[in-house]
PDB file of all heavy atoms in Angstrom:
ATOM      1  N   GLN A   1      57.216 100.860 105.649  1.00  0.00           N
ATOM      2  CA  GLN A   1      58.055  99.784 105.121  1.00  0.00           C
ATOM      3  C   GLN A   1      58.120  99.824 103.596  1.00  0.00           C
ATOM      4  O   GLN A   1      59.176  99.585 102.998  1.00  0.00           O
ATOM      5  CB  GLN A   1      57.516  98.433 105.590  1.00  0.00           C
ATOM      6  CG  GLN A   1      57.597  98.210 107.093  1.00  0.00           C
ATOM      7  CD  GLN A   1      59.004  98.343 107.624  1.00  0.00           C
ATOM      8  OE1 GLN A   1      59.965  97.855 107.028  1.00  0.00           O
ATOM      9  NE2 GLN A   1      59.152  99.010 108.753  1.00  0.00           N
ATOM     10  N   MET A   2      56.996 100.133 102.964  1.00  0.00           N
ATOM     11  CA  MET A   2      56.975 100.277 101.506  1.00  0.00           C
ATOM     12  C   MET A   2      57.936 101.372 101.066  1.00  0.00           C
ATOM     13  O   MET A   2      58.711 101.220 100.114  1.00  0.00           O
ATOM     14  CB  MET A   2      55.556 100.615 101.040  1.00  0.00           C
ATOM     15  CG  MET A   2      54.667  99.423 100.824  1.00  0.00           C
ATOM     16  SD  MET A   2      54.949  98.640  99.209  1.00  0.00           S
ATOM     17  CE  MET A   2      54.356  99.923  98.121  1.00  0.00           C
ATOM     18  N   ASP A   3      57.895 102.480 101.784  1.00  0.00           N
ATOM     19  CA  ASP A   3      58.754 103.613 101.448  1.00  0.00           C
ATOM     20  C   ASP A   3      60.223 103.235 101.589  1.00  0.00           C
ATOM     21  O   ASP A   3      61.058 103.587 100.756  1.00  0.00           O
ATOM     22  CB  ASP A   3      58.406 104.796 102.355  1.00  0.00           C
ATOM     23  CG  ASP A   3      59.186 106.044 102.001  1.00  0.00           C
ATOM     24  OD1 ASP A   3      58.936 106.612 100.924  1.00  0.00           O
ATOM     25  OD2 ASP A   3      60.062 106.450 102.789  1.00  0.00           O
ATOM     26  N   SER A   4      60.539 102.497 102.657  1.00  0.00           N
ATOM     27  CA  SER A   4      61.923 102.098 102.893  1.00  0.00           C
ATOM     28  C   SER A   4      62.423 101.155 101.800  1.00  0.00           C
ATOM     29  O   SER A   4      63.554 101.292 101.312  1.00  0.00           O
ATOM     30  CB  SER A   4      62.039 101.430 104.263  1.00  0.00           C
ATOM     31  OG  SER A   4      63.379 101.126 104.576  1.00  0.00           O
ATOM     32  N   LEU A   5      61.585 100.211 101.383  1.00  0.00           N
ATOM     33  CA  LEU A   5      61.983  99.277 100.325  1.00  0.00           C
ATOM     34  C   LEU A   5      62.146  99.994  98.988  1.00  0.00           C
ATOM     35  O   LEU A   5      63.078  99.706  98.221  1.00  0.00           O
ATOM     36  CB  LEU A   5      60.944  98.158 100.201  1.00  0.00           C
ATOM     37  CG  LEU A   5      60.873  97.195 101.391  1.00  0.00           C
ATOM     38  CD1 LEU A   5      59.669  96.269 101.262  1.00  0.00           C
ATOM     39  CD2 LEU A   5      62.155  96.365 101.482  1.00  0.00           C
ATOM     40  N   ALA A   6      61.239 100.936  98.696  1.00  0.00           N
ATOM     41  CA  ALA A   6      61.364 101.704  97.456  1.00  0.00           C
ATOM     42  C   ALA A   6      62.620 102.569  97.481  1.00  0.00           C
ATOM     43  O   ALA A   6      63.307 102.716  96.462  1.00  0.00           O
ATOM     44  CB  ALA A   6      60.122 102.577  97.259  1.00  0.00           C
ATOM     45  N   ASP A   7      62.942 103.134  98.648  1.00  0.00           N
ATOM     46  CA  ASP A   7      64.161 103.937  98.776  1.00  0.00           C
ATOM     47  C   ASP A   7      65.404 103.101  98.520  1.00  0.00           C
ATOM     48  O   ASP A   7      66.365 103.569  97.905  1.00  0.00           O
ATOM     49  CB  ASP A   7      64.236 104.561 100.174  1.00  0.00           C
ATOM     50  CG  ASP A   7      63.274 105.721 100.347  1.00  0.00           C
ATOM     51  OD1 ASP A   7      62.613 106.093  99.358  1.00  0.00           O
ATOM     52  OD2 ASP A   7      63.171 106.244 101.476  1.00  0.00           O
ATOM     53  N   MET A   8      65.394 101.870  99.000  1.00  0.00           N
ATOM     54  CA  MET A   8      66.553 101.011  98.781  1.00  0.00           C
ATOM     55  C   MET A   8      66.727 100.718  97.293  1.00  0.00           C
ATOM     56  O   MET A   8      67.854 100.701  96.778  1.00  0.00           O
ATOM     57  CB  MET A   8      66.395  99.704  99.563  1.00  0.00           C
ATOM     58  CG  MET A   8      67.629  98.805  99.503  1.00  0.00           C
ATOM     59  SD  MET A   8      69.107  99.617 100.144  1.00  0.00           S
ATOM     60  CE  MET A   8      70.381  98.832  99.162  1.00  0.00           C
ATOM     61  N   CYS A   9      65.625 100.517  96.595  1.00  0.00           N
ATOM     62  CA  CYS A   9      65.704 100.254  95.161  1.00  0.00           C
ATOM     63  C   CYS A   9      66.165 101.499  94.402  1.00  0.00           C
ATOM     64  O   CYS A   9      67.098 101.433  93.597  1.00  0.00           O
ATOM     65  CB  CYS A   9      64.346  99.803  94.636  1.00  0.00           C
ATOM     66  SG  CYS A   9      64.312  99.594  92.836  1.00  0.00           S
ATOM     67  N   SER A  10      65.534 102.643  94.688  1.00  0.00           N
ATOM     68  CA  SER A  10      65.805 103.853  93.914  1.00  0.00           C
ATOM     69  C   SER A  10      67.116 104.521  94.314  1.00  0.00           C
ATOM     70  O   SER A  10      67.889 104.957  93.460  1.00  0.00           O
ATOM     71  CB  SER A  10      64.649 104.844  94.081  1.00  0.00           C
ATOM     72  OG  SER A  10      63.441 104.275  93.632  1.00  0.00           O
ATOM     73  N   PHE A  11      67.352 104.620  95.625  1.00  0.00           N
ATOM     74  CA  PHE A  11      68.501 105.382  96.097  1.00  0.00           C
ATOM     75  C   PHE A  11      69.682 104.505  96.505  1.00  0.00           C
ATOM     76  O   PHE A  11      70.825 104.958  96.480  1.00  0.00           O
ATOM     77  CB  PHE A  11      68.078 106.264  97.274  1.00  0.00           C
ATOM     78  CG  PHE A  11      66.854 107.087  96.992  1.00  0.00           C
ATOM     79  CD1 PHE A  11      65.853 107.249  97.934  1.00  0.00           C
ATOM     80  CD2 PHE A  11      66.674 107.682  95.753  1.00  0.00           C
ATOM     81  CE1 PHE A  11      64.723 107.996  97.663  1.00  0.00           C
ATOM     82  CE2 PHE A  11      65.547 108.429  95.465  1.00  0.00           C
ATOM     83  CZ  PHE A  11      64.566 108.585  96.428  1.00  0.00           C
ATOM     84  N   GLY A  12      69.399 103.261  96.894  1.00  0.00           N
ATOM     85  CA  GLY A  12      70.476 102.377  97.295  1.00  0.00           C
ATOM     86  C   GLY A  12      71.022 101.537  96.161  1.00  0.00           C
ATOM     87  O   GLY A  12      72.157 101.053  96.236  1.00  0.00           O
ATOM     88  N   LEU A  13      70.230 101.337  95.098  1.00  0.00           N
ATOM     89  CA  LEU A  13      70.674 100.519  93.969  1.00  0.00           C
ATOM     90  C   LEU A  13      70.737 101.318  92.665  1.00  0.00           C
ATOM     91  O   LEU A  13      71.759 101.289  91.974  1.00  0.00           O
ATOM     92  CB  LEU A  13      69.741  99.312  93.794  1.00  0.00           C
ATOM     93  CG  LEU A  13      69.731  98.309  94.945  1.00  0.00           C
ATOM     94  CD1 LEU A  13      68.734  97.196  94.670  1.00  0.00           C
ATOM     95  CD2 LEU A  13      71.119  97.723  95.172  1.00  0.00           C
ATOM     96  N   ALA A  14      69.654 102.009  92.320  1.00  0.00           N
ATOM     97  CA  ALA A  14      69.643 102.742  91.050  1.00  0.00           C
ATOM     98  C   ALA A  14      70.675 103.867  91.035  1.00  0.00           C
ATOM     99  O   ALA A  14      71.371 104.055  90.025  1.00  0.00           O
ATOM    100  CB  ALA A  14      68.243 103.313  90.798  1.00  0.00           C
ATOM    101  N   ALA A  15      70.797 104.596  92.139  1.00  0.00           N
ATOM    102  CA  ALA A  15      71.748 105.723  92.173  1.00  0.00           C
ATOM    103  C   ALA A  15      73.187 105.260  91.934  1.00  0.00           C
ATOM    104  O   ALA A  15      73.885 105.828  91.079  1.00  0.00           O
ATOM    105  CB  ALA A  15      71.620 106.476  93.491  1.00  0.00           C
ATOM    106  N   PRO A  16      73.685 104.232  92.643  1.00  0.00           N
ATOM    107  CA  PRO A  16      75.056 103.800  92.337  1.00  0.00           C
ATOM    108  C   PRO A  16      75.226 103.215  90.941  1.00  0.00           C
ATOM    109  O   PRO A  16      76.298 103.345  90.346  1.00  0.00           O
ATOM    110  CB  PRO A  16      75.351 102.760  93.422  1.00  0.00           C
ATOM    111  CG  PRO A  16      74.056 102.387  94.022  1.00  0.00           C
ATOM    112  CD  PRO A  16      73.163 103.566  93.852  1.00  0.00           C
ATOM    113  N   VAL A  17      74.184 102.582  90.385  1.00  0.00           N
ATOM    114  CA  VAL A  17      74.283 102.069  89.016  1.00  0.00           C
ATOM    115  C   VAL A  17      74.454 103.226  88.032  1.00  0.00           C
ATOM    116  O   VAL A  17      75.284 103.175  87.104  1.00  0.00           O
ATOM    117  CB  VAL A  17      73.041 101.227  88.658  1.00  0.00           C
ATOM    118  CG1 VAL A  17      72.992 100.940  87.154  1.00  0.00           C
ATOM    119  CG2 VAL A  17      73.048  99.918  89.421  1.00  0.00           C
ATOM    120  N   VAL A  18      73.683 104.299  88.232  1.00  0.00           N
ATOM    121  CA  VAL A  18      73.792 105.470  87.362  1.00  0.00           C
ATOM    122  C   VAL A  18      75.171 106.114  87.502  1.00  0.00           C
ATOM    123  O   VAL A  18      75.797 106.510  86.508  1.00  0.00           O
ATOM    124  CB  VAL A  18      72.677 106.485  87.689  1.00  0.00           C
ATOM    125  CG1 VAL A  18      72.888 107.791  86.927  1.00  0.00           C
ATOM    126  CG2 VAL A  18      71.308 105.897  87.347  1.00  0.00           C
ATOM    127  N   VAL A  19      75.652 106.212  88.733  1.00  0.00           N
ATOM    128  CA  VAL A  19      76.986 106.777  88.952  1.00  0.00           C
ATOM    129  C   VAL A  19      78.050 105.906  88.285  1.00  0.00           C
ATOM    130  O   VAL A  19      78.981 106.410  87.653  1.00  0.00           O
ATOM    131  CB  VAL A  19      77.263 106.927  90.464  1.00  0.00           C
ATOM    132  CG1 VAL A  19      78.716 107.289  90.712  1.00  0.00           C
ATOM    133  CG2 VAL A  19      76.351 107.984  91.060  1.00  0.00           C
ATOM    134  N   TYR A  20      77.916 104.604  88.426  1.00  0.00           N
ATOM    135  CA  TYR A  20      78.879 103.678  87.811  1.00  0.00           C
ATOM    136  C   TYR A  20      78.909 103.875  86.291  1.00  0.00           C
ATOM    137  O   TYR A  20      79.984 103.914  85.672  1.00  0.00           O
ATOM    138  CB  TYR A  20      78.503 102.241  88.159  1.00  0.00           C
ATOM    139  CG  TYR A  20      79.430 101.205  87.571  1.00  0.00           C
ATOM    140  CD1 TYR A  20      80.624 100.882  88.207  1.00  0.00           C
ATOM    141  CD2 TYR A  20      79.107 100.565  86.368  1.00  0.00           C
ATOM    142  CE1 TYR A  20      81.485  99.920  87.658  1.00  0.00           C
ATOM    143  CE2 TYR A  20      79.958  99.609  85.821  1.00  0.00           C
ATOM    144  CZ  TYR A  20      81.145  99.301  86.479  1.00  0.00           C
ATOM    145  OH  TYR A  20      81.992  98.366  85.928  1.00  0.00           O
ATOM    146  N   ALA A  21      77.721 103.995  85.695  1.00  0.00           N
ATOM    147  CA  ALA A  21      77.659 104.193  84.244  1.00  0.00           C
ATOM    148  C   ALA A  21      78.274 105.531  83.841  1.00  0.00           C
ATOM    149  O   ALA A  21      78.912 105.636  82.789  1.00  0.00           O
ATOM    150  CB  ALA A  21      76.207 104.116  83.773  1.00  0.00           C
ATOM    151  N   SER A  22      78.099 106.550  84.691  1.00  0.00           N
ATOM    152  CA  SER A  22      78.646 107.871  84.354  1.00  0.00           C
ATOM    153  C   SER A  22      80.164 107.917  84.491  1.00  0.00           C
ATOM    154  O   SER A  22      80.831 108.729  83.854  1.00  0.00           O
ATOM    155  CB  SER A  22      78.014 108.941  85.254  1.00  0.00           C
ATOM    156  OG  SER A  22      78.479 108.812  86.588  1.00  0.00           O
ATOM    157  N   LEU A  23      80.725 107.057  85.336  1.00  0.00           N
ATOM    158  CA  LEU A  23      82.167 107.041  85.557  1.00  0.00           C
ATOM    159  C   LEU A  23      82.905 106.108  84.601  1.00  0.00           C
ATOM    160  O   LEU A  23      84.124 105.990  84.667  1.00  0.00           O
ATOM    161  CB  LEU A  23      82.469 106.618  87.002  1.00  0.00           C
ATOM    162  CG  LEU A  23      82.081 107.608  88.095  1.00  0.00           C
ATOM    163  CD1 LEU A  23      82.292 106.991  89.467  1.00  0.00           C
ATOM    164  CD2 LEU A  23      82.876 108.903  87.973  1.00  0.00           C
ATOM    165  N   ALA A  24      82.151 105.428  83.744  1.00  0.00           N
ATOM    166  CA  ALA A  24      82.773 104.473  82.817  1.00  0.00           C
ATOM    167  C   ALA A  24      83.823 105.178  81.955  1.00  0.00           C
ATOM    168  O   ALA A  24      83.599 106.290  81.458  1.00  0.00           O
ATOM    169  CB  ALA A  24      81.706 103.842  81.932  1.00  0.00           C
ATOM    170  N   HIS A  25      84.980 104.542  81.827  1.00  0.00           N
ATOM    171  CA  HIS A  25      86.088 105.015  80.989  1.00  0.00           C
ATOM    172  C   HIS A  25      86.760 106.282  81.528  1.00  0.00           C
ATOM    173  O   HIS A  25      87.583 106.876  80.828  1.00  0.00           O
ATOM    174  CB  HIS A  25      85.632 105.274  79.538  1.00  0.00           C
ATOM    175  CG  HIS A  25      84.845 104.147  78.944  1.00  0.00           C
ATOM    176  ND1 HIS A  25      85.347 102.872  78.816  1.00  0.00           N
ATOM    177  CD2 HIS A  25      83.567 104.102  78.468  1.00  0.00           C
ATOM    178  CE1 HIS A  25      84.425 102.085  78.257  1.00  0.00           C
ATOM    179  NE2 HIS A  25      83.341 102.800  78.044  1.00  0.00           N
ATOM    180  N   THR A  26      86.397 106.712  82.732  1.00  0.00           N
ATOM    181  CA  THR A  26      87.074 107.876  83.318  1.00  0.00           C
ATOM    182  C   THR A  26      87.895 107.500  84.540  1.00  0.00           C
ATOM    183  O   THR A  26      88.819 108.229  84.901  1.00  0.00           O
ATOM    184  CB  THR A  26      86.055 108.968  83.712  1.00  0.00           C
ATOM    185  OG1 THR A  26      85.160 108.442  84.702  1.00  0.00           O
ATOM    186  CG2 THR A  26      85.244 109.430  82.507  1.00  0.00           C
ATOM    187  N   VAL A  27      87.539 106.392  85.179  1.00  0.00           N
ATOM    188  CA  VAL A  27      88.280 105.894  86.338  1.00  0.00           C
ATOM    189  C   VAL A  27      88.433 104.387  86.178  1.00  0.00           C
ATOM    190  O   VAL A  27      87.699 103.765  85.401  1.00  0.00           O
ATOM    191  CB  VAL A  27      87.551 106.212  87.669  1.00  0.00           C
ATOM    192  CG1 VAL A  27      87.403 107.714  87.871  1.00  0.00           C
ATOM    193  CG2 VAL A  27      86.187 105.539  87.712  1.00  0.00           C
ATOM    194  N   PRO A  28      89.368 103.779  86.889  1.00  0.00           N
ATOM    195  CA  PRO A  28      89.483 102.315  86.818  1.00  0.00           C
ATOM    196  C   PRO A  28      88.177 101.634  87.221  1.00  0.00           C
ATOM    197  O   PRO A  28      87.541 102.023  88.211  1.00  0.00           O
ATOM    198  CB  PRO A  28      90.606 102.004  87.808  1.00  0.00           C
ATOM    199  CG  PRO A  28      91.408 103.253  87.871  1.00  0.00           C
ATOM    200  CD  PRO A  28      90.442 104.383  87.702  1.00  0.00           C
ATOM    201  N   THR A  29      87.783 100.639  86.451  1.00  0.00           N
ATOM    202  CA  THR A  29      86.510  99.958  86.702  1.00  0.00           C
ATOM    203  C   THR A  29      86.405  99.373  88.108  1.00  0.00           C
ATOM    204  O   THR A  29      85.361  99.537  88.756  1.00  0.00           O
ATOM    205  CB  THR A  29      86.294  98.858  85.654  1.00  0.00           C
ATOM    206  OG1 THR A  29      86.266  99.454  84.356  1.00  0.00           O
ATOM    207  CG2 THR A  29      84.984  98.132  85.887  1.00  0.00           C
ATOM    208  N   PRO A  30      87.443  98.697  88.635  1.00  0.00           N
ATOM    209  CA  PRO A  30      87.326  98.171  90.007  1.00  0.00           C
ATOM    210  C   PRO A  30      87.091  99.260  91.050  1.00  0.00           C
ATOM    211  O   PRO A  30      86.311  99.066  91.985  1.00  0.00           O
ATOM    212  CB  PRO A  30      88.665  97.458  90.228  1.00  0.00           C
ATOM    213  CG  PRO A  30      89.159  97.137  88.863  1.00  0.00           C
ATOM    214  CD  PRO A  30      88.711  98.267  88.006  1.00  0.00           C
ATOM    215  N   ALA A  31      87.742 100.417  90.866  1.00  0.00           N
ATOM    216  CA  ALA A  31      87.562 101.516  91.824  1.00  0.00           C
ATOM    217  C   ALA A  31      86.130 102.047  91.782  1.00  0.00           C
ATOM    218  O   ALA A  31      85.515 102.311  92.826  1.00  0.00           O
ATOM    219  CB  ALA A  31      88.550 102.639  91.524  1.00  0.00           C
ATOM    220  N   ALA A  32      85.589 102.200  90.568  1.00  0.00           N
ATOM    221  CA  ALA A  32      84.202 102.655  90.431  1.00  0.00           C
ATOM    222  C   ALA A  32      83.240 101.661  91.047  1.00  0.00           C
ATOM    223  O   ALA A  32      82.270 102.030  91.719  1.00  0.00           O
ATOM    224  CB  ALA A  32      83.869 102.885  88.963  1.00  0.00           C
ATOM    225  N   ALA A  33      83.505 100.366  90.824  1.00  0.00           N
ATOM    226  CA  ALA A  33      82.631  99.325  91.378  1.00  0.00           C
ATOM    227  C   ALA A  33      82.661  99.338  92.901  1.00  0.00           C
ATOM    228  O   ALA A  33      81.609  99.239  93.552  1.00  0.00           O
ATOM    229  CB  ALA A  33      83.057  97.957  90.851  1.00  0.00           C
ATOM    230  N   ILE A  34      83.843  99.487  93.485  1.00  0.00           N
ATOM    231  CA  ILE A  34      83.954  99.495  94.949  1.00  0.00           C
ATOM    232  C   ILE A  34      83.211 100.693  95.536  1.00  0.00           C
ATOM    233  O   ILE A  34      82.487 100.579  96.530  1.00  0.00           O
ATOM    234  CB  ILE A  34      85.438  99.516  95.365  1.00  0.00           C
ATOM    235  CG1 ILE A  34      86.089  98.175  95.036  1.00  0.00           C
ATOM    236  CG2 ILE A  34      85.580  99.812  96.854  1.00  0.00           C
ATOM    237  CD1 ILE A  34      87.588  98.151  95.222  1.00  0.00           C
ATOM    238  N   ALA A  35      83.377 101.869  94.911  1.00  0.00           N
ATOM    239  CA  ALA A  35      82.702 103.074  95.410  1.00  0.00           C
ATOM    240  C   ALA A  35      81.186 102.922  95.344  1.00  0.00           C
ATOM    241  O   ALA A  35      80.460 103.317  96.276  1.00  0.00           O
ATOM    242  CB  ALA A  35      83.155 104.292  94.614  1.00  0.00           C
ATOM    243  N   CYS A  36      80.695 102.326  94.262  1.00  0.00           N
ATOM    244  CA  CYS A  36      79.243 102.182  94.109  1.00  0.00           C
ATOM    245  C   CYS A  36      78.683 101.115  95.041  1.00  0.00           C
ATOM    246  O   CYS A  36      77.570 101.260  95.567  1.00  0.00           O
ATOM    247  CB  CYS A  36      78.912 101.867  92.654  1.00  0.00           C
ATOM    248  SG  CYS A  36      79.241 103.267  91.549  1.00  0.00           S
ATOM    249  N   VAL A  37      79.432 100.038  95.259  1.00  0.00           N
ATOM    250  CA  VAL A  37      79.011  99.036  96.243  1.00  0.00           C
ATOM    251  C   VAL A  37      78.981  99.661  97.636  1.00  0.00           C
ATOM    252  O   VAL A  37      78.093  99.359  98.455  1.00  0.00           O
ATOM    253  CB  VAL A  37      79.963  97.818  96.211  1.00  0.00           C
ATOM    254  CG1 VAL A  37      79.730  96.920  97.408  1.00  0.00           C
ATOM    255  CG2 VAL A  37      79.756  97.036  94.925  1.00  0.00           C
ATOM    256  N   LEU A  38      79.916 100.552  97.893  1.00  0.00           N
ATOM    257  CA  LEU A  38      79.955 101.257  99.171  1.00  0.00           C
ATOM    258  C   LEU A  38      78.689 102.099  99.365  1.00  0.00           C
ATOM    259  O   LEU A  38      78.096 102.116 100.453  1.00  0.00           O
ATOM    260  CB  LEU A  38      81.193 102.141  99.231  1.00  0.00           C
ATOM    261  CG  LEU A  38      81.584 102.738 100.580  1.00  0.00           C
ATOM    262  CD1 LEU A  38      81.913 101.635 101.586  1.00  0.00           C
ATOM    263  CD2 LEU A  38      82.777 103.677 100.421  1.00  0.00           C
ATOM    264  N   VAL A  39      78.250 102.760  98.304  1.00  0.00           N
ATOM    265  CA  VAL A  39      77.016 103.553  98.373  1.00  0.00           C
ATOM    266  C   VAL A  39      75.821 102.653  98.683  1.00  0.00           C
ATOM    267  O   VAL A  39      74.989 102.969  99.542  1.00  0.00           O
ATOM    268  CB  VAL A  39      76.786 104.323  97.056  1.00  0.00           C
ATOM    269  CG1 VAL A  39      75.398 104.964  97.042  1.00  0.00           C
ATOM    270  CG2 VAL A  39      77.842 105.400  96.866  1.00  0.00           C
ATOM    271  N   ALA A  40      75.733 101.506  97.989  1.00  0.00           N
ATOM    272  CA  ALA A  40      74.611 100.590  98.212  1.00  0.00           C
ATOM    273  C   ALA A  40      74.606 100.052  99.640  1.00  0.00           C
ATOM    274  O   ALA A  40      73.561 100.007 100.304  1.00  0.00           O
ATOM    275  CB  ALA A  40      74.674  99.444  97.209  1.00  0.00           C
ATOM    276  N   GLY A  41      75.766  99.636 100.122  1.00  0.00           N
ATOM    277  CA  GLY A  41      75.845  99.089 101.477  1.00  0.00           C
ATOM    278  C   GLY A  41      75.518 100.121 102.537  1.00  0.00           C
ATOM    279  O   GLY A  41      74.776  99.839 103.489  1.00  0.00           O
ATOM    280  N   CYS A  42      76.060 101.324 102.382  1.00  0.00           N
ATOM    281  CA  CYS A  42      75.792 102.385 103.372  1.00  0.00           C
ATOM    282  C   CYS A  42      74.333 102.825 103.326  1.00  0.00           C
ATOM    283  O   CYS A  42      73.749 103.165 104.361  1.00  0.00           O
ATOM    284  CB  CYS A  42      76.724 103.575 103.133  1.00  0.00           C
ATOM    285  SG  CYS A  42      78.451 103.234 103.539  1.00  0.00           S
ATOM    286  N   ALA A  43      73.729 102.817 102.132  1.00  0.00           N
ATOM    287  CA  ALA A  43      72.304 103.160 102.037  1.00  0.00           C
ATOM    288  C   ALA A  43      71.453 102.137 102.778  1.00  0.00           C
ATOM    289  O   ALA A  43      70.495 102.500 103.482  1.00  0.00           O
ATOM    290  CB  ALA A  43      71.882 103.236 100.572  1.00  0.00           C
ATOM    291  N   ALA A  44      71.791 100.853 102.640  1.00  0.00           N
ATOM    292  CA  ALA A  44      71.038  99.805 103.351  1.00  0.00           C
ATOM    293  C   ALA A  44      71.178  99.977 104.860  1.00  0.00           C
ATOM    294  O   ALA A  44      70.190  99.874 105.609  1.00  0.00           O
ATOM    295  CB  ALA A  44      71.538  98.427 102.924  1.00  0.00           C
ATOM    296  N   ILE A  45      72.399 100.249 105.320  1.00  0.00           N
ATOM    297  CA  ILE A  45      72.614 100.464 106.758  1.00  0.00           C
ATOM    298  C   ILE A  45      71.849 101.689 107.230  1.00  0.00           C
ATOM    299  O   ILE A  45      71.205 101.667 108.292  1.00  0.00           O
ATOM    300  CB  ILE A  45      74.121 100.619 107.047  1.00  0.00           C
ATOM    301  CG1 ILE A  45      74.852  99.296 106.764  1.00  0.00           C
ATOM    302  CG2 ILE A  45      74.363 101.057 108.487  1.00  0.00           C
ATOM    303  CD1 ILE A  45      76.359  99.406 106.796  1.00  0.00           C
ATOM    304  N   ARG A  46      71.908 102.759 106.446  1.00  0.00           N
ATOM    305  CA  ARG A  46      71.230 104.010 106.832  1.00  0.00           C
ATOM    306  C   ARG A  46      69.719 103.812 106.936  1.00  0.00           C
ATOM    307  O   ARG A  46      69.095 104.278 107.897  1.00  0.00           O
ATOM    308  CB  ARG A  46      71.562 105.088 105.796  1.00  0.00           C
ATOM    309  CG  ARG A  46      70.842 106.432 105.985  1.00  0.00           C
ATOM    310  CD  ARG A  46      71.300 107.126 107.243  1.00  0.00           C
ATOM    311  NE  ARG A  46      70.711 108.444 107.393  1.00  0.00           N
ATOM    312  CZ  ARG A  46      69.477 108.692 107.814  1.00  0.00           C
ATOM    313  NH1 ARG A  46      68.663 107.674 108.095  1.00  0.00           N
ATOM    314  NH2 ARG A  46      69.040 109.922 107.953  1.00  0.00           N
ATOM    315  N   LEU A  47      69.126 103.114 105.996  1.00  0.00           N
ATOM    316  CA  LEU A  47      67.681 102.898 106.021  1.00  0.00           C
ATOM    317  C   LEU A  47      67.272 101.992 107.175  1.00  0.00           C
ATOM    318  O   LEU A  47      66.269 102.241 107.851  1.00  0.00           O
ATOM    319  CB  LEU A  47      67.226 102.295 104.687  1.00  0.00           C
ATOM    320  CG  LEU A  47      67.258 103.247 103.485  1.00  0.00           C
ATOM    321  CD1 LEU A  47      67.103 102.470 102.186  1.00  0.00           C
ATOM    322  CD2 LEU A  47      66.166 104.308 103.613  1.00  0.00           C
TER     323      LEU A  47
END
């Protein structure tokens, strides 16, 4: 359970935040936000 919670923080939240920051000013902000929220939601479902 500890591993799963840490994975959600590192891979389900931190990863999309980093991707969002890397996509800044290259794609429309709403599109980047939707894609990153999609990553977080799918990571939670997967775990």
